[in-house]
Amino acid sequence: MFFLLLFFLIISTLANPSVLKLTLPSSKPGVQMQKQQITIEVDGNHQYVINKTPIPFTDLENALRIEIAKIAEGDATVVLKFDNSLTIQDLADVMQIGYSLGVKMVLATKPPNK
């Protein structure tokens, strides 16, 4: 019985489903982060999600400011998950918000198909 409980606890911590269906751009594997992170997902229909919470673009800066304040160390990193059908301007708009808040931002990608 204990092993069954342990199994479900481990599986539940590993399960982190994405709220939006995204097709990420591809890149070669890099260094993985070990910091606390905030995830911003944007799909092809310009739906914005911060840490699994849908939010309109007009409220993105305030919502991001709140999420940054929740991280005690003040060393937040924002992971951007953008659908590959979006324009560079869409990415630049979100990155400008991060720059104004003084937070580090990285773009999530998927490994290239071989």
Protein backbone atom coordinates (compact mmCIF):
# COMPACT_ATOMS: atom_id res chain seq x y z
CA MET A 1 0.00 0.00 0.00
CA PHE A 2 2.83 2.37 0.87
CA PHE A 3 4.52 1.72 -2.49
CA LEU A 4 1.32 2.49 -4.34
CA LEU A 5 1.00 5.80 -2.52
CA LEU A 6 4.65 6.59 -3.20
CA PHE A 7 4.19 5.75 -6.87
CA PHE A 8 1.25 8.14 -7.24
CA LEU A 9 3.08 10.92 -5.40
CA ILE A 10 6.07 10.64 -7.71
CA ILE A 11 3.94 10.48 -10.85
CA SER A 12 1.82 13.46 -9.79
CA THR A 13 4.88 15.65 -9.28
CA LEU A 14 6.22 14.71 -12.71
CA ALA A 15 2.95 15.41 -14.50
CA ASN A 16 2.96 19.02 -15.64
CA PRO A 17 0.50 19.26 -18.54
CA SER A 18 0.59 22.34 -20.70
CA VAL A 19 -2.58 24.42 -20.83
CA LEU A 20 -2.23 25.39 -24.49
CA LYS A 21 -1.40 23.21 -27.49
CA LEU A 22 1.79 24.78 -28.88
CA THR A 23 4.22 23.93 -31.63
CA LEU A 24 7.54 25.20 -30.27
CA PRO A 25 10.44 26.25 -32.50
CA SER A 26 13.35 23.80 -32.55
CA SER A 27 16.98 24.18 -31.43
CA LYS A 28 19.92 22.13 -30.24
CA PRO A 29 19.89 21.02 -26.56
CA GLY A 30 21.36 23.50 -24.13
CA VAL A 31 21.88 23.94 -20.42
CA GLN A 32 18.82 23.38 -18.24
CA MET A 33 17.93 25.85 -15.50
CA GLN A 34 17.64 25.02 -11.82
CA LYS A 35 16.05 28.33 -10.80
CA GLN A 36 12.46 29.12 -9.93
CA GLN A 37 10.69 29.97 -13.12
CA ILE A 38 7.56 31.61 -14.41
CA THR A 39 6.09 30.25 -17.62
CA ILE A 40 4.36 32.41 -20.21
CA GLU A 41 2.66 30.48 -23.00
CA VAL A 42 1.21 32.09 -26.12
CA ASP A 43 -0.65 30.10 -28.76
CA GLY A 44 -1.34 30.94 -32.40
CA ASN A 45 -4.57 32.70 -31.43
CA HIS A 46 -2.73 35.12 -29.11
CA GLN A 47 -4.07 33.53 -25.94
CA TYR A 48 -1.70 34.30 -23.06
CA VAL A 49 -1.22 31.99 -20.07
CA ILE A 50 1.01 32.70 -17.03
CA ASN A 51 1.72 29.62 -14.92
CA LYS A 52 -1.42 27.89 -16.24
CA THR A 53 -3.64 30.95 -15.65
CA PRO A 54 -5.18 32.51 -18.80
CA ILE A 55 -4.78 36.28 -18.93
CA PRO A 56 -5.45 39.00 -21.54
CA PHE A 57 -2.41 40.74 -23.01
CA THR A 58 -3.52 44.05 -21.49
CA ASP A 59 -3.10 42.56 -17.98
CA LEU A 60 0.14 40.71 -18.76
CA GLU A 61 2.51 43.23 -17.15
CA ASN A 62 0.58 43.40 -13.85
CA ALA A 63 0.15 39.62 -13.69
CA LEU A 64 3.86 39.10 -14.37
CA ARG A 65 4.76 41.63 -11.68
CA ILE A 66 2.62 39.67 -9.18
CA GLU A 67 4.24 36.35 -10.16
CA ILE A 68 7.73 37.85 -9.81
CA ALA A 69 6.85 39.15 -6.34
CA LYS A 70 5.84 35.62 -5.27
CA ILE A 71 9.39 34.35 -5.80
CA ALA A 72 11.22 35.07 -2.56
CA GLU A 73 14.77 35.05 -3.90
CA GLY A 74 14.08 37.74 -6.49
CA ASP A 75 15.94 35.62 -9.02
CA ALA A 76 13.00 34.79 -11.25
CA THR A 77 13.44 33.55 -14.79
CA VAL A 78 10.58 33.73 -17.26
CA VAL A 79 10.32 30.87 -19.75
CA LEU A 80 8.57 31.95 -22.94
CA LYS A 81 6.69 29.24 -24.82
CA PHE A 82 5.57 30.78 -28.09
CA ASP A 83 3.82 29.01 -30.93
CA ASN A 84 6.07 29.04 -34.00
CA SER A 85 3.32 30.66 -36.10
CA LEU A 86 3.59 33.93 -34.14
CA THR A 87 5.61 36.88 -35.38
CA ILE A 88 8.81 38.26 -33.95
CA GLN A 89 6.86 41.39 -32.99
CA ASP A 90 4.62 39.27 -30.73
CA LEU A 91 7.73 37.94 -29.00
CA ALA A 92 9.28 41.42 -28.79
CA ASP A 93 6.14 42.83 -27.16
CA VAL A 94 6.31 40.27 -24.34
CA MET A 95 10.08 40.61 -23.98
CA GLN A 96 9.70 44.40 -23.66
CA ILE A 97 7.40 43.84 -20.68
CA GLY A 98 10.01 41.56 -19.10
CA TYR A 99 12.74 44.10 -19.77
CA SER A 100 10.74 46.87 -18.11
CA LEU A 101 10.30 44.63 -15.03
CA GLY A 102 14.00 43.69 -14.99
CA VAL A 103 13.45 39.94 -15.26
CA LYS A 104 15.48 37.37 -17.20
CA MET A 105 13.62 35.76 -20.09
CA VAL A 106 14.44 32.67 -22.12
CA LEU A 107 12.68 31.15 -25.12
CA ALA A 108 11.65 27.50 -24.87
CA THR A 109 12.33 25.36 -27.92
CA LYS A 110 12.03 21.71 -28.85
CA PRO A 111 14.83 19.51 -30.20
CA PRO A 112 15.09 19.41 -34.01
CA ASN A 113 13.69 16.42 -35.85
CA LYS A 114 16.44 14.13 -37.06
